[in-house]
């Protein structure tokens, strides 16, 4: 391209403006195709910090939801097992009520041993590879009755327990904690173990003791029903928490969308304007470049 000194500055200035217009047109066309102000944080300018903060808040909320969903599943499993134990105790009480003679005691003791074995199996339930009644010792079976024997109906005896006293908790982002774990030392569970062990193993058992056995089973059942209800309350509370977190995520996503999205219609108008400007620049450049000395004679 040949040009005279007199037109050099004008040409350079016009070329710079043309290149700038080209860049702006390319950018607005990219925004049109993606619907986004920018595909990276660098292109968001002053909004980048806010968008990063919003993204972090959304990620945190999603993690909170995932943790809460896991706890709900565990809590529901605990509630289900406790309900099975309640049903087992109902059957045990029926067996006790059906025993009225000394001759029937042996059958009752056989049934009690079976109930005790079933209770042990229930308390050794695993969820996702974790024993749910062992406290923090989730890789240890909580109950072992091989050397456990209740010698009376009044003395608390947790010799069957192999776990620890830790109660599982979930920490919510608000700073509050929700306890959801149950160990096999729960009062109702210990009472059930004691009543069934005494029934199964006592060599001096008489029919006169059966009312006391039934009373202990009733106490055990009541305590376990209360624990079942508590587990359900935990699940309900966390379900509400999840709903609130989901609403929060939706709000943060709306804010992020507002900060990162463009008005497609407005972008189209802007692109048309840049195209018009660019065509005018091309025309002006062509005119200047093709000027010759003859034009000034």
C-alpha atoms as a PDB file:
ATOM      1  CA  UNK A   1       0.000   0.000   0.000  1.00  0.00           C
ATOM      2  CA  UNK A   2       1.505   3.308  -1.109  1.00  0.00           C
ATOM      3  CA  UNK A   3       0.461   6.559   0.598  1.00  0.00           C
ATOM      4  CA  UNK A   4       1.712  10.087   0.771  1.00  0.00           C
ATOM      5  CA  UNK A   5       3.039  11.662   3.992  1.00  0.00           C
ATOM      6  CA  UNK A   6       0.067  14.026   4.048  1.00  0.00           C
ATOM      7  CA  UNK A   7      -2.417  11.153   4.445  1.00  0.00           C
ATOM      8  CA  UNK A   8      -0.343   8.875   6.677  1.00  0.00           C
ATOM      9  CA  UNK A   9      -1.676  10.144  10.030  1.00  0.00           C
ATOM     10  CA  UNK A  10      -5.274  10.074   8.836  1.00  0.00           C
ATOM     11  CA  UNK A  11      -4.885   6.573   7.467  1.00  0.00           C
ATOM     12  CA  UNK A  12      -3.224   5.239  10.622  1.00  0.00           C
ATOM     13  CA  UNK A  13      -5.878   6.766  12.867  1.00  0.00           C
ATOM     14  CA  UNK A  14      -8.710   5.388  10.730  1.00  0.00           C
ATOM     15  CA  UNK A  15      -7.042   1.973  10.620  1.00  0.00           C
ATOM     16  CA  UNK A  16      -6.778   1.920  14.420  1.00  0.00           C
ATOM     17  CA  UNK A  17     -10.463   2.761  14.758  1.00  0.00           C
ATOM     18  CA  UNK A  18     -11.327   0.115  12.193  1.00  0.00           C
ATOM     19  CA  UNK A  19      -9.406  -2.578  14.083  1.00  0.00           C
ATOM     20  CA  UNK A  20     -11.057  -1.510  17.338  1.00  0.00           C
ATOM     21  CA  UNK A  21     -14.486  -1.760  15.707  1.00  0.00           C
ATOM     22  CA  UNK A  22     -13.589  -5.179  14.319  1.00  0.00           C
ATOM     23  CA  UNK A  23     -12.626  -6.379  17.814  1.00  0.00           C
ATOM     24  CA  UNK A  24     -15.815  -5.026  19.340  1.00  0.00           C
ATOM     25  CA  UNK A  25     -17.917  -6.616  16.606  1.00  0.00           C
ATOM     26  CA  UNK A  26     -16.176  -9.961  17.102  1.00  0.00           C
ATOM     27  CA  UNK A  27     -16.773  -9.737  20.851  1.00  0.00           C
ATOM     28  CA  UNK A  28     -20.466  -8.863  20.543  1.00  0.00           C
ATOM     29  CA  UNK A  29     -20.963 -11.644  17.984  1.00  0.00           C
ATOM     30  CA  UNK A  30     -19.372 -14.095  20.430  1.00  0.00           C
ATOM     31  CA  UNK A  31     -21.686 -12.819  23.147  1.00  0.00           C
ATOM     32  CA  UNK A  32     -24.651 -13.342  20.819  1.00  0.00           C
ATOM     33  CA  UNK A  33     -23.656 -16.947  20.143  1.00  0.00           C
ATOM     34  CA  UNK A  34     -22.987 -17.853  23.807  1.00  0.00           C
ATOM     35  CA  UNK A  35     -25.506 -15.600  25.526  1.00  0.00           C
ATOM     36  CA  UNK A  36     -22.724 -14.653  27.960  1.00  0.00           C
ATOM     37  CA  UNK A  37     -20.842 -11.465  28.634  1.00  0.00           C
ATOM     38  CA  UNK A  38     -17.668 -13.559  28.681  1.00  0.00           C
ATOM     39  CA  UNK A  39     -16.681 -17.203  28.791  1.00  0.00           C
ATOM     40  CA  UNK A  40     -14.028 -16.492  31.434  1.00  0.00           C
ATOM     41  CA  UNK A  41     -13.770 -14.360  34.568  1.00  0.00           C
ATOM     42  CA  UNK A  42     -11.243 -11.995  32.987  1.00  0.00           C
ATOM     43  CA  UNK A  43     -13.859 -10.714  30.561  1.00  0.00           C
ATOM     44  CA  UNK A  44     -16.367  -9.866  33.300  1.00  0.00           C
ATOM     45  CA  UNK A  45     -14.464  -6.845  34.528  1.00  0.00           C
ATOM     46  CA  UNK A  46     -15.731  -5.460  37.842  1.00  0.00           C
ATOM     47  CA  UNK A  47     -18.397  -8.199  38.032  1.00  0.00           C
ATOM     48  CA  UNK A  48     -15.802 -10.995  38.198  1.00  0.00           C
ATOM     49  CA  UNK A  49     -15.433 -10.869  41.986  1.00  0.00           C
ATOM     50  CA  UNK A  50     -19.172 -11.026  42.541  1.00  0.00           C
ATOM     51  CA  UNK A  51     -19.595 -13.938  40.128  1.00  0.00           C
ATOM     52  CA  UNK A  52     -16.749 -15.863  41.779  1.00  0.00           C
ATOM     53  CA  UNK A  53     -18.334 -15.274  45.194  1.00  0.00           C
ATOM     54  CA  UNK A  54     -21.728 -16.421  43.905  1.00  0.00           C
ATOM     55  CA  UNK A  55     -20.201 -19.573  42.407  1.00  0.00           C
ATOM     56  CA  UNK A  56     -18.483 -20.377  45.703  1.00  0.00           C
ATOM     57  CA  UNK A  57     -21.756 -19.888  47.599  1.00  0.00           C
ATOM     58  CA  UNK A  58     -23.569 -22.217  45.209  1.00  0.00           C
ATOM     59  CA  UNK A  59     -20.878 -24.898  45.557  1.00  0.00           C
ATOM     60  CA  UNK A  60     -21.066 -24.675  49.346  1.00  0.00           C
ATOM     61  CA  UNK A  61     -24.847 -24.987  49.313  1.00  0.00           C
ATOM     62  CA  UNK A  62     -24.667 -27.988  46.979  1.00  0.00           C
ATOM     63  CA  UNK A  63     -22.185 -29.678  49.345  1.00  0.00           C
ATOM     64  CA  UNK A  64     -24.507 -28.956  52.268  1.00  0.00           C
ATOM     65  CA  UNK A  65     -27.410 -30.536  50.411  1.00  0.00           C
ATOM     66  CA  UNK A  66     -25.369 -33.633  49.593  1.00  0.00           C
ATOM     67  CA  UNK A  67     -24.346 -34.043  53.256  1.00  0.00           C
ATOM     68  CA  UNK A  68     -27.926 -33.534  54.440  1.00  0.00           C
ATOM     69  CA  UNK A  69     -29.246 -36.097  51.939  1.00  0.00           C
ATOM     70  CA  UNK A  70     -26.714 -38.644  53.211  1.00  0.00           C
ATOM     71  CA  UNK A  71     -27.795 -38.043  56.811  1.00  0.00           C
ATOM     72  CA  UNK A  72     -31.464 -38.341  55.852  1.00  0.00           C
ATOM     73  CA  UNK A  73     -30.745 -41.752  54.312  1.00  0.00           C
ATOM     74  CA  UNK A  74     -28.879 -42.876  57.439  1.00  0.00           C
ATOM     75  CA  UNK A  75     -31.552 -41.496  59.747  1.00  0.00           C
ATOM     76  CA  UNK A  76     -34.293 -43.202  57.744  1.00  0.00           C
ATOM     77  CA  UNK A  77     -32.375 -46.482  57.974  1.00  0.00           C
ATOM     78  CA  UNK A  78     -32.050 -46.065  61.745  1.00  0.00           C
ATOM     79  CA  UNK A  79     -35.785 -45.362  62.018  1.00  0.00           C
ATOM     80  CA  UNK A  80     -36.575 -48.434  59.919  1.00  0.00           C
ATOM     81  CA  UNK A  81     -34.419 -50.702  62.106  1.00  0.00           C
ATOM     82  CA  UNK A  82     -35.932 -49.258  65.281  1.00  0.00           C
ATOM     83  CA  UNK A  83     -39.394 -49.937  63.890  1.00  0.00           C
ATOM     84  CA  UNK A  84     -38.373 -53.552  63.228  1.00  0.00           C
ATOM     85  CA  UNK A  85     -37.162 -53.781  66.834  1.00  0.00           C
ATOM     86  CA  UNK A  86     -40.499 -52.421  68.037  1.00  0.00           C
ATOM     87  CA  UNK A  87     -42.284 -55.127  66.033  1.00  0.00           C
ATOM     88  CA  UNK A  88     -39.935 -57.752  67.477  1.00  0.00           C
ATOM     89  CA  UNK A  89     -40.753 -56.622  71.007  1.00  0.00           C
ATOM     90  CA  UNK A  90     -44.454 -56.757  70.231  1.00  0.00           C
ATOM     91  CA  UNK A  91     -44.016 -60.408  69.271  1.00  0.00           C
ATOM     92  CA  UNK A  92     -41.936 -61.053  72.375  1.00  0.00           C
ATOM     93  CA  UNK A  93     -44.612 -59.550  74.584  1.00  0.00           C
ATOM     94  CA  UNK A  94     -47.209 -61.738  72.878  1.00  0.00           C
ATOM     95  CA  UNK A  95     -45.089 -64.800  73.685  1.00  0.00           C
ATOM     96  CA  UNK A  96     -44.800 -63.694  77.308  1.00  0.00           C
ATOM     97  CA  UNK A  97     -48.540 -63.099  77.551  1.00  0.00           C
ATOM     98  CA  UNK A  98     -49.247 -66.524  76.070  1.00  0.00           C
ATOM     99  CA  UNK A  99     -47.174 -68.251  78.781  1.00  0.00           C
ATOM    100  CA  UNK A 100     -49.137 -69.139  81.884  1.00  0.00           C
ATOM    101  CA  UNK A 101     -47.769 -72.455  83.122  1.00  0.00           C
ATOM    102  CA  UNK A 102     -44.393 -73.777  84.147  1.00  0.00           C
ATOM    103  CA  UNK A 103     -44.507 -76.255  81.287  1.00  0.00           C
ATOM    104  CA  UNK A 104     -44.704 -73.399  78.767  1.00  0.00           C
ATOM    105  CA  UNK A 105     -41.684 -71.612  80.205  1.00  0.00           C
ATOM    106  CA  UNK A 106     -39.186 -73.729  78.274  1.00  0.00           C
ATOM    107  CA  UNK A 107     -40.828 -72.821  74.958  1.00  0.00           C
ATOM    108  CA  UNK A 108     -40.818 -69.169  76.004  1.00  0.00           C
ATOM    109  CA  UNK A 109     -37.114 -69.305  76.800  1.00  0.00           C
ATOM    110  CA  UNK A 110     -36.392 -70.870  73.428  1.00  0.00           C
ATOM    111  CA  UNK A 111     -38.400 -68.106  71.737  1.00  0.00           C
ATOM    112  CA  UNK A 112     -36.617 -65.455  73.833  1.00  0.00           C
ATOM    113  CA  UNK A 113     -33.221 -66.770  72.682  1.00  0.00           C
ATOM    114  CA  UNK A 114     -34.384 -66.468  69.075  1.00  0.00           C
ATOM    115  CA  UNK A 115     -35.686 -62.945  69.664  1.00  0.00           C
ATOM    116  CA  UNK A 116     -32.359 -62.002  71.231  1.00  0.00           C
ATOM    117  CA  UNK A 117     -30.496 -63.355  68.218  1.00  0.00           C
ATOM    118  CA  UNK A 118     -32.776 -61.404  65.864  1.00  0.00           C
ATOM    119  CA  UNK A 119     -32.281 -58.264  67.934  1.00  0.00           C
ATOM    120  CA  UNK A 120     -28.515 -58.661  67.668  1.00  0.00           C
ATOM    121  CA  UNK A 121     -28.768 -58.983  63.894  1.00  0.00           C
ATOM    122  CA  UNK A 122     -30.890 -55.844  63.658  1.00  0.00           C
ATOM    123  CA  UNK A 123     -28.497 -53.836  65.799  1.00  0.00           C
ATOM    124  CA  UNK A 124     -25.589 -54.964  63.619  1.00  0.00           C
ATOM    125  CA  UNK A 125     -27.243 -53.487  60.539  1.00  0.00           C
ATOM    126  CA  UNK A 126     -24.886 -51.713  58.125  1.00  0.00           C
ATOM    127  CA  UNK A 127     -25.652 -48.811  55.816  1.00  0.00           C
ATOM    128  CA  UNK A 128     -23.172 -48.050  53.035  1.00  0.00           C
ATOM    129  CA  UNK A 129     -20.627 -50.251  54.787  1.00  0.00           C
ATOM    130  CA  UNK A 130     -21.028 -48.477  58.154  1.00  0.00           C
ATOM    131  CA  UNK A 131     -22.472 -49.987  61.331  1.00  0.00           C
ATOM    132  CA  UNK A 132     -25.125 -47.470  62.293  1.00  0.00           C
ATOM    133  CA  UNK A 133     -25.395 -48.284  66.020  1.00  0.00           C
ATOM    134  CA  UNK A 134     -21.661 -48.240  66.906  1.00  0.00           C
ATOM    135  CA  UNK A 135     -21.133 -44.535  67.536  1.00  0.00           C
ATOM    136  CA  UNK A 136     -17.928 -43.424  65.828  1.00  0.00           C
ATOM    137  CA  UNK A 137     -16.633 -47.010  65.490  1.00  0.00           C
ATOM    138  CA  UNK A 138     -18.524 -47.533  62.259  1.00  0.00           C
ATOM    139  CA  UNK A 139     -16.325 -50.457  61.200  1.00  0.00           C
ATOM    140  CA  UNK A 140     -17.069 -52.411  64.418  1.00  0.00           C
ATOM    141  CA  UNK A 141     -20.131 -54.560  65.034  1.00  0.00           C
ATOM    142  CA  UNK A 142     -21.891 -52.874  67.954  1.00  0.00           C
ATOM    143  CA  UNK A 143     -23.452 -55.966  69.496  1.00  0.00           C
ATOM    144  CA  UNK A 144     -21.939 -59.289  70.515  1.00  0.00           C
ATOM    145  CA  UNK A 145     -24.028 -61.499  72.802  1.00  0.00           C
ATOM    146  CA  UNK A 146     -21.614 -64.432  72.884  1.00  0.00           C
ATOM    147  CA  UNK A 147     -20.564 -63.615  76.455  1.00  0.00           C
ATOM    148  CA  UNK A 148     -23.515 -61.467  77.467  1.00  0.00           C
ATOM    149  CA  UNK A 149     -26.006 -62.629  80.063  1.00  0.00           C
ATOM    150  CA  UNK A 150     -28.390 -60.519  82.139  1.00  0.00           C
ATOM    151  CA  UNK A 151     -28.670 -62.032  85.614  1.00  0.00           C
ATOM    152  CA  UNK A 152     -31.651 -59.977  86.769  1.00  0.00           C
ATOM    153  CA  UNK A 153     -34.285 -57.574  85.443  1.00  0.00           C
ATOM    154  CA  UNK A 154     -33.193 -54.440  87.296  1.00  0.00           C
ATOM    155  CA  UNK A 155     -29.450 -54.078  86.747  1.00  0.00           C
ATOM    156  CA  UNK A 156     -28.417 -52.083  83.670  1.00  0.00           C
ATOM    157  CA  UNK A 157     -26.037 -54.222  81.613  1.00  0.00           C
ATOM    158  CA  UNK A 158     -24.388 -53.126  78.369  1.00  0.00           C
ATOM    159  CA  UNK A 159     -21.713 -55.825  78.244  1.00  0.00           C
ATOM    160  CA  UNK A 160     -22.985 -56.720  74.784  1.00  0.00           C
ATOM    161  CA  UNK A 161     -21.873 -53.351  73.353  1.00  0.00           C
ATOM    162  CA  UNK A 162     -18.644 -53.050  71.318  1.00  0.00           C
ATOM    163  CA  UNK A 163     -18.929 -49.456  70.098  1.00  0.00           C
ATOM    164  CA  UNK A 164     -18.353 -46.087  71.790  1.00  0.00           C
ATOM    165  CA  UNK A 165     -20.556 -43.333  73.188  1.00  0.00           C
ATOM    166  CA  UNK A 166     -20.150 -40.906  70.276  1.00  0.00           C
ATOM    167  CA  UNK A 167     -23.395 -39.540  68.844  1.00  0.00           C
ATOM    168  CA  UNK A 168     -23.317 -38.834  65.110  1.00  0.00           C
ATOM    169  CA  UNK A 169     -23.970 -35.211  64.170  1.00  0.00           C
ATOM    170  CA  UNK A 170     -24.227 -33.080  61.042  1.00  0.00           C
ATOM    171  CA  UNK A 171     -22.970 -29.495  61.138  1.00  0.00           C
ATOM    172  CA  UNK A 172     -25.053 -27.117  59.086  1.00  0.00           C
ATOM    173  CA  UNK A 173     -23.653 -23.975  57.491  1.00  0.00           C
ATOM    174  CA  UNK A 174     -25.560 -21.839  59.988  1.00  0.00           C
ATOM    175  CA  UNK A 175     -23.250 -23.148  62.704  1.00  0.00           C
ATOM    176  CA  UNK A 176     -25.892 -25.350  64.290  1.00  0.00           C
ATOM    177  CA  UNK A 177     -25.495 -29.071  64.835  1.00  0.00           C
ATOM    178  CA  UNK A 178     -28.123 -31.749  64.431  1.00  0.00           C
ATOM    179  CA  UNK A 179     -27.637 -35.031  66.258  1.00  0.00           C
ATOM    180  CA  UNK A 180     -28.946 -38.040  64.395  1.00  0.00           C
ATOM    181  CA  UNK A 181     -27.025 -41.083  65.576  1.00  0.00           C
ATOM    182  CA  UNK A 182     -28.263 -43.788  67.928  1.00  0.00           C
ATOM    183  CA  UNK A 183     -25.995 -46.264  69.679  1.00  0.00           C
ATOM    184  CA  UNK A 184     -26.936 -49.730  70.838  1.00  0.00           C
ATOM    185  CA  UNK A 185     -26.705 -48.466  74.422  1.00  0.00           C
ATOM    186  CA  UNK A 186     -29.938 -46.512  73.966  1.00  0.00           C
ATOM    187  CA  UNK A 187     -32.038 -47.025  77.082  1.00  0.00           C
ATOM    188  CA  UNK A 188     -34.789 -48.881  75.261  1.00  0.00           C
ATOM    189  CA  UNK A 189     -32.328 -51.124  73.470  1.00  0.00           C
ATOM    190  CA  UNK A 190     -30.505 -51.983  76.682  1.00  0.00           C
ATOM    191  CA  UNK A 191     -33.825 -52.784  78.362  1.00  0.00           C
ATOM    192  CA  UNK A 192     -34.839 -55.017  75.465  1.00  0.00           C
ATOM    193  CA  UNK A 193     -31.501 -56.825  75.556  1.00  0.00           C
ATOM    194  CA  UNK A 194     -31.756 -57.263  79.315  1.00  0.00           C
ATOM    195  CA  UNK A 195     -35.334 -58.578  79.255  1.00  0.00           C
ATOM    196  CA  UNK A 196     -34.730 -61.044  76.428  1.00  0.00           C
ATOM    197  CA  UNK A 197     -31.389 -62.239  77.820  1.00  0.00           C
ATOM    198  CA  UNK A 198     -32.918 -62.842  81.225  1.00  0.00           C
ATOM    199  CA  UNK A 199     -35.827 -64.720  79.680  1.00  0.00           C
ATOM    200  CA  UNK A 200     -33.516 -66.848  77.553  1.00  0.00           C
ATOM    201  CA  UNK A 201     -30.875 -67.662  80.158  1.00  0.00           C
ATOM    202  CA  UNK A 202     -32.414 -67.589  83.647  1.00  0.00           C
ATOM    203  CA  UNK A 203     -32.372 -71.035  85.238  1.00  0.00           C
ATOM    204  CA  UNK A 204     -34.704 -69.882  88.008  1.00  0.00           C
ATOM    205  CA  UNK A 205     -37.344 -68.224  85.806  1.00  0.00           C
ATOM    206  CA  UNK A 206     -40.888 -68.599  87.122  1.00  0.00           C
ATOM    207  CA  UNK A 207     -44.254 -67.492  85.796  1.00  0.00           C
ATOM    208  CA  UNK A 208     -44.477 -64.988  88.653  1.00  0.00           C
ATOM    209  CA  UNK A 209     -41.677 -62.979  87.021  1.00  0.00           C
ATOM    210  CA  UNK A 210     -43.378 -62.664  83.665  1.00  0.00           C
ATOM    211  CA  UNK A 211     -45.290 -59.520  84.613  1.00  0.00           C
ATOM    212  CA  UNK A 212     -41.988 -57.832  85.458  1.00  0.00           C
ATOM    213  CA  UNK A 213     -40.529 -59.033  82.163  1.00  0.00           C
ATOM    214  CA  UNK A 214     -43.515 -57.614  80.300  1.00  0.00           C
ATOM    215  CA  UNK A 215     -43.194 -54.280  82.124  1.00  0.00           C
ATOM    216  CA  UNK A 216     -39.541 -54.073  81.113  1.00  0.00           C
ATOM    217  CA  UNK A 217     -40.418 -54.886  77.520  1.00  0.00           C
ATOM    218  CA  UNK A 218     -43.075 -52.153  77.558  1.00  0.00           C
ATOM    219  CA  UNK A 219     -40.544 -49.632  78.857  1.00  0.00           C
ATOM    220  CA  UNK A 220     -38.098 -50.731  76.156  1.00  0.00           C
ATOM    221  CA  UNK A 221     -40.715 -50.439  73.451  1.00  0.00           C
ATOM    222  CA  UNK A 222     -41.798 -46.964  74.569  1.00  0.00           C
ATOM    223  CA  UNK A 223     -38.205 -45.690  74.561  1.00  0.00           C
ATOM    224  CA  UNK A 224     -37.548 -47.153  71.120  1.00  0.00           C
ATOM    225  CA  UNK A 225     -40.733 -45.651  69.712  1.00  0.00           C
ATOM    226  CA  UNK A 226     -39.564 -42.267  71.028  1.00  0.00           C
ATOM    227  CA  UNK A 227     -36.177 -42.759  69.343  1.00  0.00           C
ATOM    228  CA  UNK A 228     -37.907 -43.734  66.093  1.00  0.00           C
ATOM    229  CA  UNK A 229     -39.934 -40.533  66.197  1.00  0.00           C
ATOM    230  CA  UNK A 230     -36.777 -38.510  66.874  1.00  0.00           C
ATOM    231  CA  UNK A 231     -35.093 -40.031  63.819  1.00  0.00           C
ATOM    232  CA  UNK A 232     -38.104 -39.054  61.724  1.00  0.00           C
ATOM    233  CA  UNK A 233     -37.932 -35.518  63.088  1.00  0.00           C
ATOM    234  CA  UNK A 234     -34.288 -35.267  62.052  1.00  0.00           C
ATOM    235  CA  UNK A 235     -35.172 -36.306  58.506  1.00  0.00           C
ATOM    236  CA  UNK A 236     -38.034 -33.795  58.347  1.00  0.00           C
ATOM    237  CA  UNK A 237     -35.818 -31.003  59.657  1.00  0.00           C
ATOM    238  CA  UNK A 238     -33.109 -31.761  57.112  1.00  0.00           C
ATOM    239  CA  UNK A 239     -35.629 -31.997  54.285  1.00  0.00           C
ATOM    240  CA  UNK A 240     -36.757 -28.465  55.164  1.00  0.00           C
ATOM    241  CA  UNK A 241     -33.131 -27.391  55.295  1.00  0.00           C
ATOM    242  CA  UNK A 242     -32.528 -28.852  51.821  1.00  0.00           C
ATOM    243  CA  UNK A 243     -35.548 -27.004  50.436  1.00  0.00           C
ATOM    244  CA  UNK A 244     -34.181 -23.738  51.836  1.00  0.00           C
ATOM    245  CA  UNK A 245     -30.734 -24.428  50.379  1.00  0.00           C
ATOM    246  CA  UNK A 246     -32.271 -25.208  46.985  1.00  0.00           C
ATOM    247  CA  UNK A 247     -34.161 -21.885  47.099  1.00  0.00           C
ATOM    248  CA  UNK A 248     -30.906 -20.145  48.024  1.00  0.00           C
ATOM    249  CA  UNK A 249     -29.088 -21.801  45.101  1.00  0.00           C
ATOM    250  CA  UNK A 250     -31.842 -20.682  42.720  1.00  0.00           C
ATOM    251  CA  UNK A 251     -31.468 -17.086  43.943  1.00  0.00           C
ATOM    252  CA  UNK A 252     -27.680 -17.178  43.603  1.00  0.00           C
ATOM    253  CA  UNK A 253     -27.960 -18.681  40.108  1.00  0.00           C
ATOM    254  CA  UNK A 254     -30.340 -15.892  39.090  1.00  0.00           C
ATOM    255  CA  UNK A 255     -27.880 -13.286  40.338  1.00  0.00           C
ATOM    256  CA  UNK A 256     -25.023 -15.029  38.531  1.00  0.00           C
ATOM    257  CA  UNK A 257     -27.079 -15.182  35.350  1.00  0.00           C
ATOM    258  CA  UNK A 258     -27.861 -11.483  35.580  1.00  0.00           C
ATOM    259  CA  UNK A 259     -24.143 -10.740  35.992  1.00  0.00           C
ATOM    260  CA  UNK A 260     -22.907 -12.998  33.191  1.00  0.00           C
ATOM    261  CA  UNK A 261     -25.693 -13.005  30.587  1.00  0.00           C
ATOM    262  CA  UNK A 262     -26.509 -10.444  27.904  1.00  0.00           C
ATOM    263  CA  UNK A 263     -29.680  -9.177  26.280  1.00  0.00           C
ATOM    264  CA  UNK A 264     -29.584 -11.000  22.934  1.00  0.00           C
ATOM    265  CA  UNK A 265     -31.855  -8.463  21.218  1.00  0.00           C
ATOM    266  CA  UNK A 266     -29.763  -5.522  22.403  1.00  0.00           C
ATOM    267  CA  UNK A 267     -26.594  -7.343  21.370  1.00  0.00           C
ATOM    268  CA  UNK A 268     -28.001  -7.874  17.872  1.00  0.00           C
ATOM    269  CA  UNK A 269     -28.729  -4.152  17.520  1.00  0.00           C
ATOM    270  CA  UNK A 270     -25.229  -3.319  18.780  1.00  0.00           C
ATOM    271  CA  UNK A 271     -23.685  -5.797  16.331  1.00  0.00           C
ATOM    272  CA  UNK A 272     -25.581  -4.198  13.455  1.00  0.00           C
ATOM    273  CA  UNK A 273     -24.280  -0.779  14.519  1.00  0.00           C
ATOM    274  CA  UNK A 274     -20.692  -2.037  14.571  1.00  0.00           C
ATOM    275  CA  UNK A 275     -21.154  -3.674  11.167  1.00  0.00           C
ATOM    276  CA  UNK A 276     -22.373  -0.369   9.727  1.00  0.00           C
ATOM    277  CA  UNK A 277     -19.448   1.487  11.299  1.00  0.00           C
ATOM    278  CA  UNK A 278     -17.036  -1.099   9.967  1.00  0.00           C
ATOM    279  CA  UNK A 279     -18.398  -0.839   6.424  1.00  0.00           C
ATOM    280  CA  UNK A 280     -18.002   2.938   6.589  1.00  0.00           C
ATOM    281  CA  UNK A 281     -14.428   2.571   7.835  1.00  0.00           C
ATOM    282  CA  UNK A 282     -13.584   0.157   5.018  1.00  0.00           C
ATOM    283  CA  UNK A 283     -15.016   2.586   2.491  1.00  0.00           C
ATOM    284  CA  UNK A 284     -13.079   5.506   3.937  1.00  0.00           C
ATOM    285  CA  UNK A 285      -9.853   3.506   4.008  1.00  0.00           C
ATOM    286  CA  UNK A 286     -10.343   2.478   0.389  1.00  0.00           C
ATOM    287  CA  UNK A 287     -10.857   6.072  -0.640  1.00  0.00           C
ATOM    288  CA  UNK A 288      -7.759   7.314   1.172  1.00  0.00           C
ATOM    289  CA  UNK A 289      -5.541   4.485  -0.037  1.00  0.00           C
ATOM    290  CA  UNK A 290      -6.534   5.069  -3.674  1.00  0.00           C
ATOM    291  CA  UNK A 291      -5.865   8.831  -3.641  1.00  0.00           C
ATOM    292  CA  UNK A 292      -3.165   9.982  -6.129  1.00  0.00           C
ATOM    293  CA  UNK A 293      -1.445  13.277  -7.038  1.00  0.00           C
ATOM    294  CA  UNK A 294      -3.887  13.687  -9.946  1.00  0.00           C
ATOM    295  CA  UNK A 295      -6.668  14.250  -7.414  1.00  0.00           C
ATOM    296  CA  UNK A 296      -4.902  17.423  -6.281  1.00  0.00           C
ATOM    297  CA  UNK A 297      -4.073  18.875  -9.717  1.00  0.00           C
END
